Amino acid sequence: MVKRDPTFPICYVKARITPEHRVKSKPYSVLCIIQEEDEEILKAVCEDCAACQGGCKHAIAFVTWLHRRTLEPSVTQTVCYWRKSKLSSVAQSMTIIRARDITPQTEDTISQADKAMFFQAASNFLSPESLVMKHVEVSKKLYSVFHAMDDFKSLGMKTPDEFLTYLTERLKGLPLMDLAMKSKSQSASPLWHALRFGRITASKLYEAANCSTICGSLVDTIMGASKFKPTAAMIRGSTLEKDILKTCQNYYDIETEEVGLVIKAEYPIFGASPDGISSNHIWEVKAPGSEKAFKSYFTEGLEKPAPKYNAQMQLQMFLLGKEHGIYAVAKPDFEQSREICVLIVDFDEDLVLDLMARAQTFYNRAIFPKLFDQSSDSNV
């Protein structure tokens, strides 16, 4: 459907796109606004898709369809595009077709090196500002443990120590703090989740340093194989985190900055995501939902963080080069009382190096073999 504004040289083109995965479902409405005088697309949007805010594929498909129509020679007859799509009749006219019935299977004679070269050459032609590139994180492969393992295996190396050395060399000279800022939305960032895969994060350091089970839930968590469903306490914590941070900032008169996953080239299998950083401190915020849970965050007498959380903060300070940490644990009734128990935690290098050495031993025994077996020689 086309509408032209008589006042301005603007053309509105509206269409409906049939979902390729549910051809009988209601089509998505898409809209494209074009400034005809300068031949400029002002807006292209899908009005029904859940992913429309981030630039979904239906808007891209509509723009490319319009482009193809402009290349066609003019016709004397009027073609109606506002009709039921041919794709919607597929489910009615035929049964399931298997891939082997479409074409005979052929042997893949293209080498992995040629595939990688083609992918790199094609990537070089993509504009970083294009709609397509919104859905592609090319640089993610450089930092990903999974993709690093693919490249590591292609070099013929097989041992955990060789892998750690390879990762260190791979990350040297890369803008790792820029990566931390790009992933500062943490759990809301796909990049943050991708970088955590195959790495021991600060919250798991204490468990990894003391774990002897090579096929347990900790391994599944590090490998991203476990289903994650946030508890009521986790939801409460994420909801109150900024409020708790702001309360502490006002009390101590310190400004904090958000940060994502921090990685250090010399220790590539570890990562840390503190809730905030300032010039001399890392900040770790907790929001337990009960008095019993509140006490579990401390040692006896509320003098120090519990060993698990102390280890978490020590790794955060180590990777960020901070000498102190602020441990802020809100009272269970924080919404009413506004009370927070705050401890200043000093960096303990001997402790964190010991924990990291034990955690690395666990990594070599439990995580590396799974990474090595799960990766393939092909690029993903």
Foldseek 3Di string as FASTA:
>chain_A
DWDADPVAQKIKDKAFAQDLVCNQDGTWIWIWIARVVVRHTPDTFTDPDPCGVLQDVVSVVVVVVVVVVVPDDDDPDDDDPHDRDPSSCPVVPDDDDDPCNVDPDDDDPDDQVNVVVVVVVVVVPDDCPDSVVSPDDVCLLLQALLNLLLVVVVVVDDAPVVSLVSQLVSCPPPPQQVLFAVCLVAPVDPSLVRNQAQAQELLCLQVLLPDDDQPDPSLCVNNVNDDDDDDPQRVVCVVCVVVLVVLVCVVVVFDWDGTGWGADSNQSRYTYGARTDGPAETEHEGEGQDPVVLPQQADPPNQGGDPSVLSSRLVVCVRVVHFKYKYWYADNVCVPPVDIDIDIGGHDVVVNVSSSVSSVVSCSVRRSVVSNVPHDNHDD
